[in-house]
Amino acid sequence: MTRAEELENRLRLLVNFGGVVSKETNLNRLLELIAEQVKTILNCDRCSVFILDRQTNELWSKVALGMQHTEIRVPFGKGIAGHVASSGLTLNIQDVYKDDRFTHEIDRLTGYRSRSILAVPLKNVGGHIIGVFEAMNKNGSQFDIDDEGILQLISSLAASGIENAQLYESLSKSQLETIYRLAVTAEYRDQQDTAIHLRHISEYSALIAHGLGLPEREVENIRYASPLHDIGKVGIADAILLKPGKLTTDEFEEMKKHTVYGAKILCNAESALLQIACKVAGSHHEKFDGTGYPAKLKGPQIPIYARIVSVADVFDALCMPRVYKPRWDAEKAREYILEESGKSFDPEVVGAFDKVYGEILKMQAIGDGKTTIIPGITKELHRHNY
């Protein structure tokens, strides 16, 4: 490739880079995207994006270790990234193992061998440091002055995207915290293990959605909307909600109204997330064969979000102790879900549940205490909600 062709190719990649960065609002995905783009544009082996955490005065970056992502933190002013952040200057180091500022522990942790590093500061429009770019081990040569200029240009393009993603993430966290607290309000009245239950419903639903092959945005929506499935319980009297014995027919009819109450609470929301939560709250007790409540919807008439949460909710309810029943063994609960395929549950959702069952068990183990599991229970389902 001639010099002119190389410059033309880099210009094309830079134009593409600006377009890609401006569209991504998820911070972690954005950082991974930036790192991959920089690798291509600079023809180097690796790129790390360090973000300044002003609360701890540290720089953090995620790296892949096997199948897991690990966060590395470097004190501000320490190491190559820390020095660039504190000085605001670009560093182009040809042999990092001869530089006293290089942190050898990172290579030992990752199993990677750094040779050369080009590091530039990430500055926002106000000129304040928000992080550091590190490009490592250029293929076939050393980083030159052209590479320095290109990485500095990339950093200016990326900084605004990173700040936008950070703002979006902050707003999302505020919204999600509000949603979670609403969910806790509904759940804490009749469950002592509210936090565990809500986490299970959230994670199980997301796993099932992923097993169905739904887009990542949809998976995230159902992860965060699903904890509001029983928000309508706030409208149910304690005498019914907390009754340890069997409900009368009239009491059960009143209990079923929590789906209607939940939908009314969440309806007409402008937030897409709450619109999904409305569908989940109103329809998660509908059955695939049309025998559920409150509207006796059937098959695809039931929103896919509700069909997913229905499976997650029943499985978790069976596996959790309640005032009206002991807990079921997870395998017995799984067998029940499979038996109800085509009856209570959408067969495709059941298939996705079974596909990710191993992951569900792992998630269950994380939040599960050491309570003894009682196998061989009779088929008394979670009476309040089913």
Protein backbone atom coordinates (compact mmCIF):
# COMPACT_ATOMS: atom_id res chain seq x y z
CA MET A 1 0.00 0.00 0.00
CA THR A 2 1.38 3.38 -1.01
CA ARG A 3 1.60 6.31 1.42
CA ALA A 4 -1.33 8.02 -0.32
CA GLU A 5 -3.45 4.88 -0.17
CA GLU A 6 -2.63 4.42 3.49
CA LEU A 7 -3.69 8.01 4.31
CA GLU A 8 -6.88 7.64 2.26
CA ASN A 9 -7.73 4.41 4.10
CA ARG A 10 -7.12 6.02 7.48
CA LEU A 11 -9.31 8.99 6.54
CA ARG A 12 -12.11 6.60 5.58
CA LEU A 13 -11.76 4.74 8.87
CA LEU A 14 -11.79 8.01 10.84
CA VAL A 15 -15.00 9.15 9.13
CA ASN A 16 -16.57 5.79 9.93
CA PHE A 17 -15.28 6.03 13.51
CA GLY A 18 -17.08 9.33 14.11
CA GLY A 19 -20.37 7.89 12.88
CA VAL A 20 -20.12 4.72 14.92
CA VAL A 21 -19.15 6.46 18.17
CA SER A 22 -21.97 8.99 17.98
CA LYS A 23 -24.65 6.27 17.89
CA GLU A 24 -23.68 4.11 20.89
CA THR A 25 -25.05 5.14 24.30
CA ASN A 26 -24.01 2.10 26.36
CA LEU A 27 -20.68 3.03 27.94
CA ASN A 28 -19.15 -0.45 28.11
CA ARG A 29 -20.10 -1.27 24.54
CA LEU A 30 -18.84 2.14 23.41
CA LEU A 31 -15.45 1.58 25.04
CA GLU A 32 -15.14 -1.85 23.44
CA LEU A 33 -16.15 -0.36 20.10
CA ILE A 34 -13.60 2.45 20.39
CA ALA A 35 -10.84 0.00 21.31
CA GLU A 36 -11.57 -2.17 18.28
CA GLN A 37 -11.72 0.84 15.95
CA VAL A 38 -8.41 2.21 17.23
CA LYS A 39 -6.74 -1.18 16.73
CA THR A 40 -7.83 -1.11 13.09
CA ILE A 41 -6.99 2.52 12.39
CA LEU A 42 -3.52 2.39 13.98
CA ASN A 43 -2.82 -1.20 12.94
CA CYS A 44 -1.82 -2.13 16.48
CA ASP A 45 -2.29 -5.20 18.61
CA ARG A 46 -4.41 -3.74 21.41
CA CYS A 47 -6.05 -0.58 22.66
CA SER A 48 -7.09 0.21 26.24
CA VAL A 49 -9.45 3.04 27.14
CA PHE A 50 -8.97 4.28 30.70
CA ILE A 51 -11.75 6.39 32.21
CA LEU A 52 -11.14 8.75 35.13
CA ASP A 53 -13.22 8.00 38.21
CA ARG A 54 -13.24 11.35 40.02
CA GLN A 55 -14.71 9.89 43.19
CA THR A 56 -11.77 7.54 43.76
CA ASN A 57 -9.19 9.52 41.73
CA GLU A 58 -8.40 6.38 39.75
CA LEU A 59 -8.35 5.39 36.09
CA TRP A 60 -10.28 2.24 35.24
CA SER A 61 -10.36 0.02 32.18
CA LYS A 62 -12.01 -3.31 31.43
CA VAL A 63 -9.96 -6.15 29.96
CA ALA A 64 -11.02 -9.61 28.81
CA LEU A 65 -9.61 -12.48 30.86
CA GLY A 66 -10.82 -15.78 29.46
CA MET A 67 -14.61 -15.54 29.42
CA GLN A 68 -14.80 -12.78 32.01
CA HIS A 69 -14.27 -9.03 31.92
CA THR A 70 -12.05 -7.69 34.68
CA GLU A 71 -11.74 -4.07 35.67
CA ILE A 72 -8.21 -2.72 36.12
CA ARG A 73 -7.75 0.41 38.25
CA VAL A 74 -4.67 2.64 38.21
CA PRO A 75 -4.14 5.51 40.69
CA PHE A 76 -4.15 8.97 39.13
CA GLY A 77 -0.53 9.95 38.46
CA LYS A 78 0.75 6.36 38.60
CA GLY A 79 1.76 4.17 35.68
CA ILE A 80 1.83 5.36 32.09
CA ALA A 81 -1.93 6.03 31.94
CA GLY A 82 -1.85 7.84 35.27
CA HIS A 83 1.12 9.98 34.18
CA VAL A 84 -0.60 10.98 30.93
CA ALA A 85 -3.78 11.85 32.84
CA SER A 86 -1.94 14.00 35.37
CA SER A 87 0.33 15.74 32.86
CA GLY A 88 -2.07 15.99 29.94
CA LEU A 89 0.82 15.08 27.61
CA THR A 90 1.16 12.40 24.95
CA LEU A 91 3.67 9.60 25.60
CA ASN A 92 5.19 7.47 22.82
CA ILE A 93 7.31 4.79 24.48
CA GLN A 94 9.25 2.42 22.25
CA ASP A 95 10.22 -0.11 24.95
CA VAL A 96 7.91 0.02 27.97
CA TYR A 97 9.98 -2.41 30.06
CA LYS A 98 12.76 0.18 30.09
CA ASP A 99 10.40 2.89 31.37
CA ASP A 100 10.04 3.25 35.14
CA ARG A 101 6.46 4.45 34.77
CA PHE A 102 5.26 1.19 33.23
CA THR A 103 3.10 -0.96 35.53
CA HIS A 104 4.31 -4.57 35.10
CA GLU A 105 1.45 -5.95 37.19
CA ILE A 106 -1.05 -5.40 34.36
CA ASP A 107 0.91 -7.64 32.01
CA ARG A 108 1.24 -10.24 34.74
CA LEU A 109 -2.49 -10.12 35.36
CA THR A 110 -3.54 -10.32 31.72
CA GLY A 111 -0.78 -12.57 30.41
CA TYR A 112 -0.09 -9.97 27.73
CA ARG A 113 3.38 -8.77 26.72
CA SER A 114 3.50 -5.03 26.14
CA ARG A 115 6.36 -3.76 23.99
CA SER A 116 5.50 -0.25 22.84
CA ILE A 117 2.76 2.10 24.01
CA LEU A 118 1.31 5.26 22.52
CA ALA A 119 -0.80 7.03 25.17
CA VAL A 120 -2.80 10.23 24.72
CA PRO A 121 -5.11 12.07 27.12
CA LEU A 122 -8.87 12.14 26.61
CA LYS A 123 -10.12 15.68 27.11
CA ASN A 124 -13.68 17.00 27.03
CA VAL A 125 -14.75 20.23 25.32
CA GLY A 126 -13.80 22.14 28.49
CA GLY A 127 -10.24 20.81 28.28
CA HIS A 128 -10.63 18.62 31.38
CA ILE A 129 -9.11 15.13 31.48
CA ILE A 130 -11.74 12.38 31.40
CA GLY A 131 -9.45 9.47 30.58
CA VAL A 132 -6.53 8.10 28.57
CA PHE A 133 -6.09 6.14 25.34
CA GLU A 134 -3.34 3.52 25.23
CA ALA A 135 -2.48 1.88 21.89
CA MET A 136 -0.05 -1.01 22.25
CA ASN A 137 2.36 -2.94 20.03
CA LYS A 138 2.04 -1.54 16.53
CA ASN A 139 2.25 -4.35 14.00
CA GLY A 140 5.56 -4.48 12.14
CA SER A 141 6.94 -1.15 13.32
CA GLN A 142 6.93 1.54 16.01
CA PHE A 143 4.35 4.26 16.56
CA ASP A 144 5.39 7.43 14.73
CA ILE A 145 4.40 11.10 14.76
CA ASP A 146 1.55 10.43 12.33
CA ASP A 147 0.12 7.85 14.73
CA GLU A 148 0.35 10.38 17.54
CA GLY A 149 -1.63 12.92 15.53
CA ILE A 150 -4.27 10.38 14.52
CA LEU A 151 -4.75 9.09 18.08
CA GLN A 152 -5.04 12.66 19.35
CA LEU A 153 -7.73 13.29 16.71
CA ILE A 154 -9.50 10.07 17.66
CA SER A 155 -9.43 11.09 21.33
CA SER A 156 -11.14 14.38 20.54
CA LEU A 157 -13.82 12.55 18.54
CA ALA A 158 -14.29 9.90 21.22
CA ALA A 159 -14.36 12.20 24.26
CA SER A 160 -17.77 13.69 23.49
CA GLY A 161 -19.21 10.25 22.79
CA ILE A 162 -17.87 8.94 26.10
CA GLU A 163 -19.27 11.89 28.04
CA ASN A 164 -22.65 11.46 26.36
CA ALA A 165 -22.66 7.76 27.25
CA GLN A 166 -21.71 8.59 30.85
CA LEU A 167 -24.59 11.07 31.05
CA TYR A 168 -27.00 8.55 29.53
CA GLU A 169 -25.80 5.92 31.99
CA SER A 170 -26.28 8.29 34.92
CA LEU A 171 -29.83 9.11 33.83
CA SER A 172 -30.57 5.42 33.27
CA LYS A 173 -29.33 4.53 36.73
CA SER A 174 -31.60 7.16 38.25
CA GLN A 175 -34.56 5.79 36.33
CA LEU A 176 -33.73 2.20 37.22
CA GLU A 177 -33.30 3.04 40.89
CA THR A 178 -36.77 4.61 40.86
CA ILE A 179 -38.21 1.52 39.17
CA TYR A 180 -36.51 -0.77 41.66
CA ARG A 181 -37.84 1.18 44.64
CA LEU A 182 -41.35 1.04 43.17
CA ALA A 183 -40.98 -2.72 42.84
CA VAL A 184 -39.76 -3.06 46.42
CA THR A 185 -42.80 -1.10 47.62
CA ALA A 186 -45.06 -3.75 46.12
CA GLU A 187 -43.04 -6.79 47.13
CA TYR A 188 -41.86 -6.15 50.68
CA ARG A 189 -45.34 -6.49 52.18
CA ASP A 190 -45.60 -10.25 51.60
CA GLN A 191 -41.98 -11.34 51.08
CA GLN A 192 -39.00 -11.21 53.40
CA ASP A 193 -36.57 -11.90 50.57
CA THR A 194 -37.65 -9.02 48.35
CA ALA A 195 -34.21 -8.14 46.98
CA ILE A 196 -33.43 -11.74 46.02
CA HIS A 197 -36.79 -12.25 44.36
CA LEU A 198 -36.56 -9.06 42.32
CA ARG A 199 -33.01 -9.84 41.23
CA HIS A 200 -34.05 -13.35 40.21
CA ILE A 201 -37.04 -12.15 38.17
CA SER A 202 -34.86 -9.54 36.48
CA GLU A 203 -31.96 -11.86 35.63
CA TYR A 204 -34.04 -14.92 34.74
CA SER A 205 -36.21 -12.84 32.39
CA ALA A 206 -33.13 -11.36 30.71
CA LEU A 207 -31.55 -14.80 30.30
CA ILE A 208 -34.72 -16.20 28.74
CA ALA A 209 -35.03 -13.19 26.43
CA HIS A 210 -31.41 -13.72 25.38
CA GLY A 211 -32.17 -17.42 24.83
CA LEU A 212 -34.99 -16.38 22.50
CA GLY A 213 -32.50 -14.35 20.48
CA LEU A 214 -34.12 -10.98 21.18
CA PRO A 215 -32.01 -7.89 20.38
CA GLU A 216 -29.74 -6.69 23.19
CA ARG A 217 -31.83 -3.55 23.75
CA GLU A 218 -34.95 -5.71 24.22
CA VAL A 219 -33.07 -7.96 26.63
CA GLU A 220 -32.09 -4.93 28.70
CA ASN A 221 -35.63 -3.54 28.61
CA ILE A 222 -37.10 -6.72 29.99
CA ARG A 223 -34.31 -7.00 32.56
CA TYR A 224 -35.27 -3.65 34.04
CA ALA A 225 -39.05 -3.71 33.47
CA SER A 226 -39.71 -7.20 34.87
CA PRO A 227 -39.29 -6.32 38.59
CA LEU A 228 -42.46 -4.22 38.31
CA HIS A 229 -44.59 -7.24 37.40
CA ASP A 230 -46.38 -7.24 40.78
CA ILE A 231 -46.56 -3.48 41.37
CA GLY A 232 -50.36 -3.84 41.53
CA LYS A 233 -50.06 -5.62 44.88
CA VAL A 234 -50.06 -2.20 46.50
CA GLY A 235 -53.80 -2.19 45.90
CA ILE A 236 -54.45 -5.53 47.61
CA ALA A 237 -55.57 -5.56 51.26
CA ASP A 238 -53.18 -7.10 53.80
CA ALA A 239 -55.92 -9.46 54.98
CA ILE A 240 -55.78 -11.13 51.57
CA LEU A 241 -52.16 -10.59 50.60
CA LEU A 242 -50.76 -11.90 53.89
CA LYS A 243 -53.31 -14.64 54.56
CA PRO A 244 -51.37 -17.84 55.35
CA GLY A 245 -54.26 -20.16 54.57
CA LYS A 246 -56.16 -20.93 51.39
CA LEU A 247 -57.97 -17.99 49.81
CA THR A 248 -61.72 -18.08 49.35
CA THR A 249 -63.12 -17.74 45.85
CA ASP A 250 -63.94 -14.06 46.44
CA GLU A 251 -60.51 -13.42 47.97
CA PHE A 252 -58.78 -15.03 45.00
CA GLU A 253 -60.82 -12.91 42.59
CA GLU A 254 -59.65 -9.83 44.48
CA MET A 255 -56.05 -11.09 44.43
CA LYS A 256 -56.20 -11.44 40.66
CA LYS A 257 -56.97 -7.74 40.37
CA HIS A 258 -53.34 -6.90 41.15
CA THR A 259 -52.70 -7.34 37.41
CA VAL A 260 -55.34 -4.72 36.57
CA TYR A 261 -54.08 -2.36 39.28
CA GLY A 262 -50.52 -2.75 38.04
CA ALA A 263 -51.46 -1.94 34.45
CA LYS A 264 -53.40 1.14 35.57
CA ILE A 265 -50.46 2.38 37.65
CA LEU A 266 -48.07 2.09 34.72
CA CYS A 267 -50.29 2.93 31.77
CA ASN A 268 -49.82 6.08 29.66
CA ALA A 269 -46.15 6.32 30.66
CA GLU A 270 -43.88 8.12 28.19
CA SER A 271 -40.91 5.93 29.08
CA ALA A 272 -40.52 2.93 26.78
CA LEU A 273 -39.33 0.94 29.77
CA LEU A 274 -42.49 1.68 31.76
CA GLN A 275 -44.63 0.90 28.72
CA ILE A 276 -43.10 -2.56 28.69
CA ALA A 277 -43.56 -2.83 32.47
CA CYS A 278 -47.26 -1.99 31.95
CA LYS A 279 -47.65 -4.92 29.56
CA VAL A 280 -45.82 -7.23 31.95
CA ALA A 281 -47.82 -6.15 35.00
CA GLY A 282 -51.14 -6.54 33.19
CA SER A 283 -50.50 -9.83 31.38
CA HIS A 284 -47.94 -11.95 33.26
CA HIS A 285 -50.73 -14.22 34.59
CA GLU A 286 -52.29 -14.85 31.21
CA LYS A 287 -51.81 -18.44 30.02
CA PHE A 288 -50.80 -19.53 26.57
CA ASP A 289 -53.94 -21.66 26.22
CA GLY A 290 -56.22 -18.74 27.09
CA THR A 291 -57.21 -19.85 30.61
CA GLY A 292 -55.28 -17.17 32.51
CA TYR A 293 -56.30 -13.78 33.80
CA PRO A 294 -57.35 -10.97 33.73
CA ALA A 295 -58.34 -10.92 30.01
CA LYS A 296 -57.99 -14.60 29.03
CA LEU A 297 -55.57 -13.68 26.27
CA LYS A 298 -54.25 -16.56 24.21
CA GLY A 299 -50.96 -17.34 22.48
CA PRO A 300 -49.43 -14.38 20.63
CA GLN A 301 -52.17 -12.09 22.01
CA ILE A 302 -50.08 -12.09 25.19
CA PRO A 303 -47.16 -9.62 24.91
CA ILE A 304 -43.85 -11.46 24.53
CA TYR A 305 -42.49 -9.62 27.58
CA ALA A 306 -45.30 -11.03 29.72
CA ARG A 307 -44.84 -14.54 28.31
CA ILE A 308 -41.18 -14.40 29.34
CA VAL A 309 -41.79 -12.99 32.82
CA SER A 310 -44.54 -15.56 33.40
CA VAL A 311 -42.02 -18.40 33.14
CA ALA A 312 -39.39 -16.58 35.21
CA ASP A 313 -41.92 -15.64 37.90
CA VAL A 314 -43.45 -19.10 38.30
CA PHE A 315 -40.06 -20.81 38.38
CA ASP A 316 -38.73 -18.44 41.03
CA ALA A 317 -41.93 -18.61 43.08
CA LEU A 318 -41.76 -22.38 43.14
CA CYS A 319 -38.13 -22.30 44.23
CA MET A 320 -38.71 -19.77 47.03
CA PRO A 321 -40.37 -20.45 50.41
CA ARG A 322 -43.61 -18.58 51.03
CA VAL A 323 -46.05 -18.29 53.94
CA TYR A 324 -48.35 -20.71 52.13
CA LYS A 325 -45.79 -23.29 50.89
CA PRO A 326 -42.23 -24.57 51.31
CA ARG A 327 -39.73 -24.24 48.47
CA TRP A 328 -39.44 -26.67 45.60
CA ASP A 329 -36.28 -28.32 44.35
CA ALA A 330 -35.08 -26.47 41.24
CA GLU A 331 -35.22 -29.58 39.05
CA LYS A 332 -38.80 -30.29 40.08
CA ALA A 333 -39.72 -26.67 39.28
CA ARG A 334 -38.03 -27.03 35.88
CA GLU A 335 -40.04 -30.19 35.18
CA TYR A 336 -43.24 -28.30 35.94
CA ILE A 337 -42.30 -25.51 33.52
CA LEU A 338 -41.64 -28.10 30.80
CA GLU A 339 -44.93 -29.91 31.54
CA GLU A 340 -46.88 -26.66 31.14
CA SER A 341 -45.39 -25.88 27.72
CA GLY A 342 -48.28 -25.09 25.39
CA LYS A 343 -50.69 -24.83 28.31
CA SER A 344 -49.60 -22.17 30.79
CA PHE A 345 -46.50 -21.14 28.88
CA ASP A 346 -45.40 -20.30 25.35
CA PRO A 347 -43.47 -23.35 24.01
CA GLU A 348 -40.81 -21.11 22.46
CA VAL A 349 -40.27 -19.32 25.77
CA VAL A 350 -40.10 -22.67 27.58
CA GLY A 351 -37.52 -23.81 25.04
CA ALA A 352 -35.45 -20.69 25.70
CA PHE A 353 -35.83 -21.23 29.46
CA ASP A 354 -34.50 -24.78 29.12
CA LYS A 355 -31.67 -23.55 26.90
CA VAL A 356 -30.42 -21.14 29.57
CA TYR A 357 -31.42 -23.29 32.57
CA GLY A 358 -27.79 -23.82 33.56
CA GLU A 359 -27.22 -20.06 33.68
CA ILE A 360 -30.40 -19.63 35.70
CA LEU A 361 -29.12 -22.14 38.26
CA LYS A 362 -25.87 -20.19 38.54
CA MET A 363 -27.79 -16.97 39.12
CA GLN A 364 -29.99 -18.71 41.66
CA ALA A 365 -26.94 -19.92 43.55
CA ILE A 366 -25.50 -16.39 43.79
CA GLY A 367 -28.46 -15.01 45.70
CA ASP A 368 -29.53 -18.22 47.38
CA GLY A 369 -28.91 -18.73 51.08
CA LYS A 370 -28.22 -22.09 52.66
CA THR A 371 -31.89 -22.87 53.29
CA THR A 372 -32.56 -26.58 52.95
CA ILE A 373 -34.40 -27.52 49.77
CA ILE A 374 -37.41 -29.75 50.38
CA PRO A 375 -37.96 -32.05 47.36
CA GLY A 376 -41.11 -33.97 46.50
CA ILE A 377 -43.66 -31.24 47.28
CA THR A 378 -47.18 -31.59 45.89
CA LYS A 379 -48.09 -29.33 42.97
CA GLU A 380 -49.38 -26.35 44.94
CA LEU A 381 -48.30 -23.41 42.80
CA HIS A 382 -47.57 -19.95 44.09
CA ARG A 383 -51.09 -19.46 45.28
CA HIS A 384 -51.15 -15.68 45.42
CA ASN A 385 -50.34 -15.11 41.81
CA TYR A 386 -51.11 -18.15 39.71
